[in-house]
Amino acid sequence: MEFRQRIKEYAETPISRHLILDILKDYKRPNDKISELLKSKKLISIRRGLYITGPKLDLPTPEPFLIANHLRGPSYVSLESALSYWNMIPERAYEISSVTLQTSKIYKTAVGRFSYQQSKAPYYSYGIKNIDYSPKQTVLIASPEKALCDKIVLTPKIHLRSIKQTREFLTEDLRMDSDVLSTLNTKIMDLWIESAPKKSSLKMLIKTLMEL
């Protein structure tokens, strides 16, 4: 069976080198075959030991958010990427931004740039949603509330001290719509504060949202 048929069922997720070696187990020199597949663009390397199928195979490929989940784990898509996904900010993010329990890192790959910022448990685990893109693609992404909290918590020099300042930050700096902000669940956000960094800023955020 040719490589395309063998890899087809795995094409919608990032593929480990271990799996590819298993698929190529009948080859005497599987590492040479991997090099050949990379050169012919039937495979694309996104980091050492992790691949996606290339354009030459004409197969479905993973969504960028799913690639982000796999590049550095555990992690979930958040910050500008999640805010854009939930239509909370008008701009499209030029890179996929994620939050991870590991150290912060940036990956520049053939399919885009992926950035990761470190967060600590238990705050990390709050407000993560599963989004089904397809039967084989389930993405971890911050809820609208968590993405906004992450933006405040993980951006240096953001310290919210008044309702006026917070409203300006949300509507002028981030260009968020007041009607969208008024739909956020402040009760669930309040439950996160005890374990969150920048507690006073998040309290001011909640206070501001409640007055919209």
N, C-alpha and C. Protein backbone atom coordinates (compact mmCIF):
# COMPACT_ATOMS: atom_id res chain seq x y z
N MET A 1 0.84 -1.20 0.00
CA MET A 1 0.00 0.00 0.00
C MET A 1 0.88 1.25 0.00
N GLU A 2 0.56 2.21 -0.87
CA GLU A 2 1.39 3.40 -0.97
C GLU A 2 1.23 4.28 0.27
N PHE A 3 2.23 5.17 0.46
CA PHE A 3 2.27 6.00 1.66
C PHE A 3 1.01 6.83 1.84
N ARG A 4 0.47 7.40 0.75
CA ARG A 4 -0.72 8.26 0.86
C ARG A 4 -1.88 7.51 1.48
N GLN A 5 -2.10 6.28 1.06
CA GLN A 5 -3.20 5.49 1.61
C GLN A 5 -2.97 5.14 3.07
N ARG A 6 -1.73 4.88 3.42
CA ARG A 6 -1.41 4.51 4.80
C ARG A 6 -1.56 5.69 5.76
N ILE A 7 -1.22 6.88 5.29
CA ILE A 7 -1.22 8.05 6.18
C ILE A 7 -2.58 8.73 6.21
N LYS A 8 -3.46 8.40 5.28
CA LYS A 8 -4.72 9.12 5.08
C LYS A 8 -5.55 9.24 6.36
N GLU A 9 -5.68 8.17 7.12
CA GLU A 9 -6.54 8.20 8.31
C GLU A 9 -5.98 9.07 9.43
N TYR A 10 -4.71 9.44 9.34
CA TYR A 10 -4.08 10.27 10.38
C TYR A 10 -3.88 11.73 9.93
N ALA A 11 -4.29 12.05 8.71
CA ALA A 11 -3.90 13.33 8.09
C ALA A 11 -4.48 14.56 8.79
N GLU A 12 -5.59 14.41 9.51
CA GLU A 12 -6.22 15.58 10.12
C GLU A 12 -5.63 15.95 11.48
N THR A 13 -4.58 15.27 11.89
CA THR A 13 -3.91 15.62 13.14
C THR A 13 -2.40 15.65 12.90
N PRO A 14 -1.65 16.41 13.72
CA PRO A 14 -0.19 16.32 13.63
C PRO A 14 0.26 14.88 13.88
N ILE A 15 1.29 14.48 13.16
CA ILE A 15 1.70 13.07 13.14
C ILE A 15 3.10 12.94 13.74
N SER A 16 3.26 12.03 14.67
CA SER A 16 4.57 11.85 15.32
C SER A 16 5.52 11.04 14.43
N ARG A 17 6.80 11.25 14.65
CA ARG A 17 7.80 10.47 13.91
C ARG A 17 7.65 8.98 14.20
N HIS A 18 7.28 8.65 15.43
CA HIS A 18 7.10 7.25 15.81
C HIS A 18 6.02 6.60 14.94
N LEU A 19 4.92 7.32 14.71
CA LEU A 19 3.84 6.77 13.88
C LEU A 19 4.29 6.61 12.44
N ILE A 20 5.01 7.60 11.93
CA ILE A 20 5.48 7.51 10.54
C ILE A 20 6.45 6.34 10.37
N LEU A 21 7.32 6.15 11.34
CA LEU A 21 8.24 5.01 11.27
C LEU A 21 7.48 3.69 11.28
N ASP A 22 6.38 3.65 12.02
CA ASP A 22 5.56 2.44 12.04
C ASP A 22 4.91 2.20 10.68
N ILE A 23 4.43 3.27 10.06
CA ILE A 23 3.83 3.16 8.74
C ILE A 23 4.87 2.71 7.70
N LEU A 24 6.12 3.12 7.92
CA LEU A 24 7.20 2.79 6.97
C LEU A 24 8.03 1.58 7.41
N LYS A 25 7.45 0.76 8.27
CA LYS A 25 8.23 -0.35 8.85
C LYS A 25 8.72 -1.37 7.83
N ASP A 26 8.08 -1.42 6.65
CA ASP A 26 8.51 -2.38 5.62
C ASP A 26 9.72 -1.88 4.83
N TYR A 27 10.09 -0.60 5.02
CA TYR A 27 11.24 -0.05 4.33
C TYR A 27 12.53 -0.41 5.08
N LYS A 28 13.58 -0.71 4.32
CA LYS A 28 14.86 -1.03 4.94
C LYS A 28 15.48 0.20 5.58
N ARG A 29 15.26 1.37 4.96
CA ARG A 29 15.82 2.62 5.48
C ARG A 29 14.70 3.65 5.65
N PRO A 30 13.87 3.50 6.68
CA PRO A 30 12.71 4.40 6.85
C PRO A 30 13.11 5.87 7.05
N ASN A 31 14.26 6.10 7.68
CA ASN A 31 14.70 7.49 7.88
C ASN A 31 15.02 8.17 6.55
N ASP A 32 15.59 7.41 5.62
CA ASP A 32 15.84 7.95 4.28
C ASP A 32 14.53 8.26 3.57
N LYS A 33 13.53 7.40 3.79
CA LYS A 33 12.22 7.60 3.17
C LYS A 33 11.56 8.87 3.73
N ILE A 34 11.71 9.11 5.03
CA ILE A 34 11.16 10.34 5.64
C ILE A 34 11.83 11.56 5.01
N SER A 35 13.14 11.51 4.83
CA SER A 35 13.85 12.63 4.19
C SER A 35 13.33 12.86 2.78
N GLU A 36 13.05 11.79 2.06
CA GLU A 36 12.52 11.89 0.69
C GLU A 36 11.11 12.51 0.70
N LEU A 37 10.29 12.11 1.67
CA LEU A 37 8.92 12.64 1.78
C LEU A 37 8.95 14.13 2.11
N LEU A 38 9.89 14.54 2.95
CA LEU A 38 10.03 15.96 3.29
C LEU A 38 10.49 16.76 2.07
N LYS A 39 11.44 16.22 1.34
CA LYS A 39 11.97 16.92 0.17
C LYS A 39 10.91 17.08 -0.91
N SER A 40 10.03 16.09 -1.06
CA SER A 40 8.99 16.12 -2.09
C SER A 40 7.72 16.83 -1.61
N LYS A 41 7.77 17.35 -0.38
CA LYS A 41 6.63 18.07 0.21
C LYS A 41 5.39 17.20 0.40
N LYS A 42 5.61 15.91 0.57
CA LYS A 42 4.51 15.03 0.97
C LYS A 42 4.35 15.05 2.49
N LEU A 43 5.41 15.46 3.17
CA LEU A 43 5.37 15.72 4.61
C LEU A 43 5.96 17.10 4.88
N ILE A 44 5.46 17.75 5.93
CA ILE A 44 6.02 19.03 6.38
C ILE A 44 6.37 18.89 7.85
N SER A 45 7.59 19.24 8.20
CA SER A 45 8.01 19.21 9.60
C SER A 45 7.59 20.49 10.29
N ILE A 46 6.89 20.37 11.43
CA ILE A 46 6.50 21.56 12.18
C ILE A 46 7.35 21.75 13.43
N ARG A 47 7.97 20.71 13.89
CA ARG A 47 9.05 20.77 14.87
C ARG A 47 9.70 19.40 14.87
N ARG A 48 10.78 19.26 15.57
CA ARG A 48 11.49 17.97 15.57
C ARG A 48 10.56 16.86 16.07
N GLY A 49 10.38 15.85 15.23
CA GLY A 49 9.57 14.69 15.61
C GLY A 49 8.08 14.85 15.40
N LEU A 50 7.64 15.96 14.77
CA LEU A 50 6.20 16.17 14.56
C LEU A 50 5.98 16.73 13.15
N TYR A 51 5.02 16.15 12.45
CA TYR A 51 4.80 16.47 11.04
C TYR A 51 3.31 16.64 10.74
N ILE A 52 3.02 17.27 9.58
CA ILE A 52 1.70 17.22 8.99
C ILE A 52 1.86 16.81 7.53
N THR A 53 0.79 16.34 6.93
CA THR A 53 0.88 15.96 5.52
C THR A 53 1.04 17.21 4.66
N GLY A 54 1.79 17.06 3.58
CA GLY A 54 2.09 18.19 2.72
C GLY A 54 1.13 18.30 1.55
N PRO A 55 1.22 19.40 0.78
CA PRO A 55 0.29 19.65 -0.33
C PRO A 55 0.34 18.59 -1.43
N LYS A 56 1.46 17.94 -1.59
CA LYS A 56 1.59 16.94 -2.65
C LYS A 56 0.67 15.74 -2.43
N LEU A 57 0.27 15.48 -1.18
CA LEU A 57 -0.60 14.34 -0.90
C LEU A 57 -2.07 14.67 -1.08
N ASP A 58 -2.41 15.97 -1.13
CA ASP A 58 -3.79 16.40 -1.34
C ASP A 58 -4.75 15.72 -0.36
N LEU A 59 -4.43 15.85 0.93
CA LEU A 59 -5.26 15.28 1.99
C LEU A 59 -5.69 16.40 2.94
N PRO A 60 -6.77 16.18 3.71
CA PRO A 60 -7.14 17.17 4.73
C PRO A 60 -5.99 17.36 5.71
N THR A 61 -5.81 18.58 6.19
CA THR A 61 -4.73 18.86 7.14
C THR A 61 -5.31 19.43 8.43
N PRO A 62 -4.55 19.40 9.51
CA PRO A 62 -5.06 19.90 10.79
C PRO A 62 -5.30 21.41 10.75
N GLU A 63 -6.33 21.86 11.47
CA GLU A 63 -6.55 23.28 11.68
C GLU A 63 -5.34 23.87 12.44
N PRO A 64 -4.99 25.13 12.16
CA PRO A 64 -3.86 25.75 12.88
C PRO A 64 -4.01 25.68 14.40
N PHE A 65 -5.23 25.82 14.92
CA PHE A 65 -5.42 25.74 16.36
C PHE A 65 -5.06 24.35 16.89
N LEU A 66 -5.38 23.31 16.12
CA LEU A 66 -5.03 21.95 16.56
C LEU A 66 -3.52 21.75 16.51
N ILE A 67 -2.88 22.30 15.49
CA ILE A 67 -1.41 22.25 15.43
C ILE A 67 -0.83 22.92 16.68
N ALA A 68 -1.40 24.06 17.05
CA ALA A 68 -0.92 24.77 18.25
C ALA A 68 -1.04 23.90 19.49
N ASN A 69 -2.15 23.18 19.64
CA ASN A 69 -2.33 22.30 20.79
C ASN A 69 -1.25 21.23 20.87
N HIS A 70 -0.81 20.75 19.69
CA HIS A 70 0.15 19.64 19.64
C HIS A 70 1.60 20.10 19.69
N LEU A 71 1.88 21.30 19.21
CA LEU A 71 3.27 21.76 19.15
C LEU A 71 3.91 21.81 20.53
N ARG A 72 3.14 22.29 21.50
CA ARG A 72 3.67 22.42 22.86
C ARG A 72 2.52 22.13 23.82
N GLY A 73 2.66 21.04 24.56
CA GLY A 73 1.56 20.66 25.43
C GLY A 73 2.02 20.39 26.86
N PRO A 74 1.09 20.48 27.80
CA PRO A 74 -0.30 20.86 27.57
C PRO A 74 -0.42 22.35 27.26
N SER A 75 -1.38 22.68 26.41
CA SER A 75 -1.61 24.08 26.06
C SER A 75 -3.02 24.25 25.52
N TYR A 76 -3.47 25.49 25.45
CA TYR A 76 -4.75 25.80 24.81
C TYR A 76 -4.61 27.15 24.12
N VAL A 77 -5.35 27.35 23.04
CA VAL A 77 -5.32 28.61 22.30
C VAL A 77 -6.00 29.69 23.13
N SER A 78 -5.40 30.88 23.19
CA SER A 78 -5.96 31.95 24.02
C SER A 78 -5.51 33.31 23.48
N LEU A 79 -5.61 34.32 24.36
CA LEU A 79 -5.15 35.67 24.05
C LEU A 79 -5.78 36.18 22.75
N GLU A 80 -5.03 36.89 21.90
CA GLU A 80 -5.62 37.49 20.70
C GLU A 80 -6.25 36.45 19.78
N SER A 81 -5.66 35.26 19.70
CA SER A 81 -6.21 34.23 18.80
C SER A 81 -7.61 33.82 19.22
N ALA A 82 -7.79 33.59 20.51
CA ALA A 82 -9.11 33.21 21.01
C ALA A 82 -10.08 34.39 20.97
N LEU A 83 -9.60 35.58 21.33
CA LEU A 83 -10.46 36.77 21.28
C LEU A 83 -10.97 37.01 19.86
N SER A 84 -10.11 36.80 18.87
CA SER A 84 -10.51 36.94 17.47
C SER A 84 -11.49 35.84 17.08
N TYR A 85 -11.23 34.61 17.51
CA TYR A 85 -12.12 33.48 17.20
C TYR A 85 -13.54 33.74 17.70
N TRP A 86 -13.65 34.32 18.91
CA TRP A 86 -14.96 34.60 19.50
C TRP A 86 -15.54 35.95 19.04
N ASN A 87 -14.89 36.57 18.04
CA ASN A 87 -15.35 37.86 17.49
C ASN A 87 -15.42 38.96 18.56
N MET A 88 -14.47 38.93 19.48
CA MET A 88 -14.42 39.95 20.52
C MET A 88 -13.52 41.12 20.14
N ILE A 89 -12.59 40.88 19.23
CA ILE A 89 -11.74 41.95 18.71
C ILE A 89 -11.84 41.93 17.19
N PRO A 90 -11.71 43.08 16.54
CA PRO A 90 -11.89 43.13 15.08
C PRO A 90 -10.72 42.57 14.29
N GLU A 91 -9.53 42.58 14.86
CA GLU A 91 -8.34 42.17 14.11
C GLU A 91 -8.20 40.65 14.08
N ARG A 92 -7.66 40.15 12.98
CA ARG A 92 -7.24 38.75 12.91
C ARG A 92 -5.81 38.65 13.39
N ALA A 93 -5.54 37.70 14.26
CA ALA A 93 -4.20 37.54 14.81
C ALA A 93 -3.25 36.98 13.75
N TYR A 94 -2.04 37.55 13.66
CA TYR A 94 -1.09 37.09 12.64
C TYR A 94 -0.31 35.86 13.10
N GLU A 95 -0.41 35.53 14.39
CA GLU A 95 0.18 34.31 14.89
C GLU A 95 -0.83 33.62 15.81
N ILE A 96 -0.63 32.35 16.06
CA ILE A 96 -1.51 31.61 16.97
C ILE A 96 -0.92 31.72 18.37
N SER A 97 -1.68 32.35 19.27
CA SER A 97 -1.21 32.57 20.64
C SER A 97 -1.85 31.54 21.57
N SER A 98 -1.03 30.92 22.40
CA SER A 98 -1.51 29.90 23.31
C SER A 98 -0.96 30.11 24.71
N VAL A 99 -1.58 29.42 25.67
CA VAL A 99 -1.12 29.41 27.06
C VAL A 99 -0.71 27.98 27.40
N THR A 100 0.38 27.83 28.11
CA THR A 100 0.91 26.50 28.41
C THR A 100 1.38 26.42 29.86
N LEU A 101 1.48 25.21 30.36
CA LEU A 101 2.07 24.99 31.68
C LEU A 101 3.60 24.96 31.58
N GLN A 102 4.11 24.80 30.38
CA GLN A 102 5.56 24.79 30.17
C GLN A 102 6.09 26.22 30.08
N THR A 103 7.39 26.33 29.86
CA THR A 103 7.99 27.65 29.71
C THR A 103 7.52 28.32 28.42
N SER A 104 7.58 29.64 28.38
CA SER A 104 7.15 30.38 27.20
C SER A 104 8.08 30.07 26.03
N LYS A 105 7.52 30.08 24.82
CA LYS A 105 8.33 29.72 23.64
C LYS A 105 7.63 30.20 22.38
N ILE A 106 8.41 30.43 21.32
CA ILE A 106 7.87 30.78 20.00
C ILE A 106 8.38 29.75 18.99
N TYR A 107 7.47 29.26 18.15
CA TYR A 107 7.84 28.37 17.05
C TYR A 107 7.56 29.08 15.73
N LYS A 108 8.55 29.16 14.87
CA LYS A 108 8.36 29.67 13.52
C LYS A 108 8.40 28.47 12.58
N THR A 109 7.25 28.12 12.03
CA THR A 109 7.14 26.90 11.22
C THR A 109 6.77 27.23 9.79
N ALA A 110 6.76 26.20 8.95
CA ALA A 110 6.38 26.36 7.55
C ALA A 110 4.90 26.68 7.39
N VAL A 111 4.12 26.48 8.46
CA VAL A 111 2.68 26.75 8.37
C VAL A 111 2.26 27.92 9.27
N GLY A 112 3.23 28.69 9.76
CA GLY A 112 2.90 29.86 10.56
C GLY A 112 3.70 29.95 11.84
N ARG A 113 3.45 31.04 12.56
CA ARG A 113 4.15 31.32 13.81
C ARG A 113 3.22 31.01 14.99
N PHE A 114 3.76 30.34 15.99
CA PHE A 114 2.99 29.92 17.15
C PHE A 114 3.72 30.39 18.42
N SER A 115 3.02 31.15 19.26
CA SER A 115 3.64 31.63 20.50
C SER A 115 2.93 31.04 21.71
N TYR A 116 3.69 30.83 22.78
CA TYR A 116 3.18 30.23 24.01
C TYR A 116 3.64 31.05 25.21
N GLN A 117 2.71 31.34 26.10
CA GLN A 117 3.04 32.02 27.34
C GLN A 117 2.71 31.10 28.52
N GLN A 118 3.58 31.12 29.50
CA GLN A 118 3.43 30.21 30.63
C GLN A 118 2.41 30.71 31.64
N SER A 119 1.60 29.78 32.13
CA SER A 119 0.67 30.05 33.21
C SER A 119 0.84 28.94 34.25
N LYS A 120 0.35 29.18 35.45
CA LYS A 120 0.51 28.20 36.52
C LYS A 120 -0.84 27.61 36.91
N ALA A 121 -0.81 26.35 37.33
CA ALA A 121 -2.01 25.72 37.88
C ALA A 121 -2.27 26.30 39.27
N PRO A 122 -3.53 26.33 39.73
CA PRO A 122 -4.73 25.83 39.04
C PRO A 122 -5.37 26.84 38.08
N TYR A 123 -4.92 28.11 38.09
CA TYR A 123 -5.54 29.11 37.21
C TYR A 123 -5.53 28.64 35.76
N TYR A 124 -4.45 28.00 35.33
CA TYR A 124 -4.32 27.52 33.95
C TYR A 124 -5.55 26.71 33.51
N SER A 125 -6.06 25.87 34.37
CA SER A 125 -7.08 24.88 33.98
C SER A 125 -8.49 25.45 33.85
N TYR A 126 -8.70 26.68 34.27
CA TYR A 126 -10.05 27.25 34.23
C TYR A 126 -10.44 27.72 32.82
N GLY A 127 -11.72 27.60 32.50
CA GLY A 127 -12.25 28.23 31.30
C GLY A 127 -11.73 27.71 29.98
N ILE A 128 -11.38 26.42 29.91
CA ILE A 128 -10.93 25.84 28.64
C ILE A 128 -12.09 25.09 28.01
N LYS A 129 -12.32 25.36 26.72
CA LYS A 129 -13.43 24.73 26.01
C LYS A 129 -12.91 23.79 24.92
N ASN A 130 -13.69 22.75 24.64
CA ASN A 130 -13.41 21.86 23.51
C ASN A 130 -14.26 22.27 22.32
N ILE A 131 -13.62 22.53 21.19
CA ILE A 131 -14.34 22.90 19.97
C ILE A 131 -14.10 21.81 18.93
N ASP A 132 -15.17 21.23 18.41
CA ASP A 132 -15.05 20.18 17.39
C ASP A 132 -15.05 20.81 15.99
N TYR A 133 -13.89 20.75 15.33
CA TYR A 133 -13.80 21.22 13.95
C TYR A 133 -14.27 20.15 12.97
N SER A 134 -14.01 18.91 13.33
CA SER A 134 -14.41 17.77 12.50
C SER A 134 -14.41 16.55 13.41
N PRO A 135 -14.90 15.38 12.94
CA PRO A 135 -14.89 14.19 13.80
C PRO A 135 -13.51 13.83 14.33
N LYS A 136 -12.45 14.27 13.63
CA LYS A 136 -11.09 13.92 14.05
C LYS A 136 -10.32 15.10 14.63
N GLN A 137 -10.96 16.28 14.70
CA GLN A 137 -10.25 17.47 15.17
C GLN A 137 -11.03 18.16 16.29
N THR A 138 -10.52 18.02 17.50
CA THR A 138 -11.09 18.71 18.66
C THR A 138 -10.01 19.61 19.24
N VAL A 139 -10.32 20.89 19.30
CA VAL A 139 -9.34 21.91 19.69
C VAL A 139 -9.62 22.41 21.10
N LEU A 140 -8.54 22.65 21.85
CA LEU A 140 -8.66 23.27 23.18
C LEU A 140 -8.45 24.77 23.03
N ILE A 141 -9.45 25.55 23.46
CA ILE A 141 -9.40 27.00 23.31
C ILE A 141 -10.00 27.66 24.55
N ALA A 142 -9.47 28.82 24.91
CA ALA A 142 -10.00 29.56 26.05
C ALA A 142 -11.41 30.06 25.73
N SER A 143 -12.28 30.03 26.73
CA SER A 143 -13.59 30.66 26.60
C SER A 143 -13.39 32.16 26.42
N PRO A 144 -14.40 32.89 25.96
CA PRO A 144 -14.25 34.34 25.84
C PRO A 144 -13.80 34.99 27.14
N GLU A 145 -14.36 34.54 28.26
CA GLU A 145 -14.00 35.11 29.56
C GLU A 145 -12.54 34.81 29.91
N LYS A 146 -12.11 33.57 29.67
CA LYS A 146 -10.73 33.20 30.03
C LYS A 146 -9.73 33.88 29.11
N ALA A 147 -10.07 34.01 27.82
CA ALA A 147 -9.15 34.67 26.89
C ALA A 147 -8.90 36.12 27.31
N LEU A 148 -9.96 36.80 27.77
CA LEU A 148 -9.81 38.19 28.22
C LEU A 148 -9.00 38.25 29.51
N CYS A 149 -9.28 37.35 30.44
CA CYS A 149 -8.49 37.31 31.68
C CYS A 149 -7.03 37.02 31.38
N ASP A 150 -6.77 36.08 30.49
CA ASP A 150 -5.39 35.76 30.11
C ASP A 150 -4.68 36.97 29.52
N LYS A 151 -5.41 37.73 28.71
CA LYS A 151 -4.81 38.92 28.09
C LYS A 151 -4.33 39.89 29.17
N ILE A 152 -5.13 40.05 30.20
CA ILE A 152 -4.77 40.98 31.29
C ILE A 152 -3.66 40.38 32.16
N VAL A 153 -3.79 39.11 32.49
CA VAL A 153 -2.84 38.45 33.39
C VAL A 153 -1.46 38.32 32.76
N LEU A 154 -1.42 38.00 31.46
CA LEU A 154 -0.15 37.64 30.82
C LEU A 154 0.51 38.76 30.02
N THR A 155 -0.13 39.93 29.98
CA THR A 155 0.49 41.07 29.29
C THR A 155 1.20 41.95 30.31
N PRO A 156 2.52 42.10 30.18
CA PRO A 156 3.26 42.93 31.13
C PRO A 156 2.74 44.38 31.14
N LYS A 157 2.82 45.00 32.27
CA LYS A 157 2.50 46.43 32.46
C LYS A 157 1.01 46.75 32.38
N ILE A 158 0.16 45.75 32.27
CA ILE A 158 -1.28 46.02 32.36
C ILE A 158 -1.70 45.87 33.82
N HIS A 159 -2.08 47.00 34.41
CA HIS A 159 -2.57 47.00 35.79
C HIS A 159 -3.80 47.90 35.83
N LEU A 160 -4.95 47.31 36.01
CA LEU A 160 -6.21 48.03 35.96
C LEU A 160 -6.56 48.55 37.35
N ARG A 161 -6.70 49.89 37.46
CA ARG A 161 -6.88 50.49 38.78
C ARG A 161 -8.18 51.29 38.91
N SER A 162 -8.89 51.50 37.81
CA SER A 162 -10.15 52.25 37.88
C SER A 162 -11.08 51.77 36.78
N ILE A 163 -12.38 52.05 36.95
CA ILE A 163 -13.36 51.66 35.94
C ILE A 163 -13.09 52.43 34.65
N LYS A 164 -12.77 53.71 34.75
CA LYS A 164 -12.50 54.52 33.56
C LYS A 164 -11.32 53.94 32.77
N GLN A 165 -10.24 53.64 33.46
CA GLN A 165 -9.06 53.09 32.80
C GLN A 165 -9.38 51.74 32.16
N THR A 166 -10.13 50.91 32.88
CA THR A 166 -10.46 49.58 32.37
C THR A 166 -11.36 49.67 31.14
N ARG A 167 -12.34 50.57 31.17
CA ARG A 167 -13.23 50.74 30.03
C ARG A 167 -12.45 51.22 28.81
N GLU A 168 -11.50 52.13 29.02
CA GLU A 168 -10.68 52.61 27.91
C GLU A 168 -9.80 51.49 27.35
N PHE A 169 -9.26 50.68 28.24
CA PHE A 169 -8.43 49.55 27.81
C PHE A 169 -9.25 48.59 26.93
N LEU A 170 -10.46 48.29 27.35
CA LEU A 170 -11.29 47.33 26.63
C LEU A 170 -11.82 47.89 25.31
N THR A 171 -12.34 49.11 25.34
CA THR A 171 -13.03 49.64 24.16
C THR A 171 -12.13 50.43 23.21
N GLU A 172 -11.02 50.97 23.74
CA GLU A 172 -10.12 51.75 22.88
C GLU A 172 -8.86 50.96 22.51
N ASP A 173 -8.19 50.40 23.50
CA ASP A 173 -6.97 49.64 23.21
C ASP A 173 -7.28 48.33 22.49
N LEU A 174 -8.22 47.56 23.02
CA LEU A 174 -8.58 46.27 22.42
C LEU A 174 -9.69 46.39 21.38
N ARG A 175 -10.36 47.55 21.35
CA ARG A 175 -11.43 47.83 20.39
C ARG A 175 -12.57 46.82 20.50
N MET A 176 -12.93 46.51 21.73
CA MET A 176 -14.04 45.60 21.98
C MET A 176 -15.36 46.37 22.02
N ASP A 177 -16.41 45.71 21.62
CA ASP A 177 -17.73 46.31 21.61
C ASP A 177 -18.41 46.13 22.97
N SER A 178 -19.01 47.17 23.49
CA SER A 178 -19.64 47.12 24.81
C SER A 178 -20.75 46.07 24.86
N ASP A 179 -21.49 45.91 23.76
CA ASP A 179 -22.57 44.93 23.73
C ASP A 179 -22.02 43.51 23.87
N VAL A 180 -20.88 43.25 23.24
CA VAL A 180 -20.25 41.93 23.35
C VAL A 180 -19.73 41.72 24.77
N LEU A 181 -19.09 42.74 25.33
CA LEU A 181 -18.55 42.64 26.68
C LEU A 181 -19.65 42.39 27.71
N SER A 182 -20.82 42.93 27.48
CA SER A 182 -21.92 42.78 28.44
C SER A 182 -22.46 41.36 28.49
N THR A 183 -22.09 40.53 27.51
CA THR A 183 -22.55 39.14 27.50
C THR A 183 -21.64 38.21 28.29
N LEU A 184 -20.50 38.70 28.75
CA LEU A 184 -19.54 37.84 29.47
C LEU A 184 -20.08 37.45 30.84
N ASN A 185 -19.74 36.23 31.24
CA ASN A 185 -20.21 35.68 32.51
C ASN A 185 -19.27 36.10 33.64
N THR A 186 -19.61 37.17 34.33
CA THR A 186 -18.74 37.68 35.40
C THR A 186 -18.74 36.76 36.62
N LYS A 187 -19.81 36.00 36.80
CA LYS A 187 -19.87 35.09 37.96
C LYS A 187 -18.81 34.00 37.85
N ILE A 188 -18.65 33.44 36.65
CA ILE A 188 -17.64 32.40 36.48
C ILE A 188 -16.24 33.00 36.59
N MET A 189 -16.06 34.22 36.09
CA MET A 189 -14.75 34.88 36.20
C MET A 189 -14.39 35.12 37.66
N ASP A 190 -15.37 35.47 38.45
CA ASP A 190 -15.14 35.74 39.87
C ASP A 190 -14.62 34.50 40.60
N LEU A 191 -15.02 33.32 40.15
CA LEU A 191 -14.58 32.08 40.79
C LEU A 191 -13.10 31.81 40.56
N TRP A 192 -12.53 32.42 39.52
CA TRP A 192 -11.13 32.17 39.19
C TRP A 192 -10.16 33.05 39.99
N ILE A 193 -10.65 34.13 40.53
CA ILE A 193 -9.77 35.17 41.08
C ILE A 193 -8.87 34.66 42.20
N GLU A 194 -9.41 33.83 43.07
CA GLU A 194 -8.63 33.37 44.22
C GLU A 194 -7.31 32.72 43.80
N SER A 195 -7.32 32.03 42.65
CA SER A 195 -6.12 31.31 42.18
C SER A 195 -5.38 32.05 41.07
N ALA A 196 -5.82 33.27 40.76
CA ALA A 196 -5.27 33.97 39.59
C ALA A 196 -4.19 34.98 39.97
N PRO A 197 -3.25 35.23 39.06
CA PRO A 197 -2.34 36.37 39.21
C PRO A 197 -3.14 37.67 38.98
N LYS A 198 -2.56 38.79 39.34
CA LYS A 198 -3.18 40.11 39.12
C LYS A 198 -4.62 40.17 39.61
N LYS A 199 -4.82 39.70 40.83
CA LYS A 199 -6.17 39.64 41.39
C LYS A 199 -6.89 40.99 41.35
N SER A 200 -6.19 42.06 41.72
CA SER A 200 -6.84 43.37 41.78
C SER A 200 -7.28 43.83 40.39
N SER A 201 -6.47 43.54 39.37
CA SER A 201 -6.84 43.93 38.00
C SER A 201 -8.06 43.14 37.53
N LEU A 202 -8.11 41.86 37.86
CA LEU A 202 -9.26 41.06 37.44
C LEU A 202 -10.52 41.48 38.20
N LYS A 203 -10.38 41.85 39.44
CA LYS A 203 -11.54 42.36 40.20
C LYS A 203 -12.07 43.65 39.57
N MET A 204 -11.13 44.51 39.14
CA MET A 204 -11.54 45.75 38.48
C MET A 204 -12.19 45.47 37.13
N LEU A 205 -11.69 44.47 36.42
CA LEU A 205 -12.31 44.05 35.17
C LEU A 205 -13.76 43.63 35.40
N ILE A 206 -13.98 42.78 36.38
CA ILE A 206 -15.33 42.29 36.67
C ILE A 206 -16.24 43.45 37.07
N LYS A 207 -15.74 44.33 37.90
CA LYS A 207 -16.52 45.50 38.34
C LYS A 207 -16.94 46.35 37.15
N THR A 208 -15.99 46.55 36.22
CA THR A 208 -16.27 47.35 35.02
C THR A 208 -17.31 46.67 34.14
N LEU A 209 -17.16 45.37 33.94
CA LEU A 209 -18.11 44.62 33.10
C LEU A 209 -19.52 44.68 33.68
N MET A 210 -19.60 44.63 34.99
CA MET A 210 -20.92 44.64 35.63
C MET A 210 -21.64 45.99 35.48
N GLU A 211 -20.86 47.03 35.16
CA GLU A 211 -21.45 48.36 35.02
C GLU A 211 -21.79 48.71 33.57
N LEU A 212 -21.43 47.82 32.66
CA LEU A 212 -21.71 48.10 31.24
C LEU A 212 -23.22 48.00 30.96
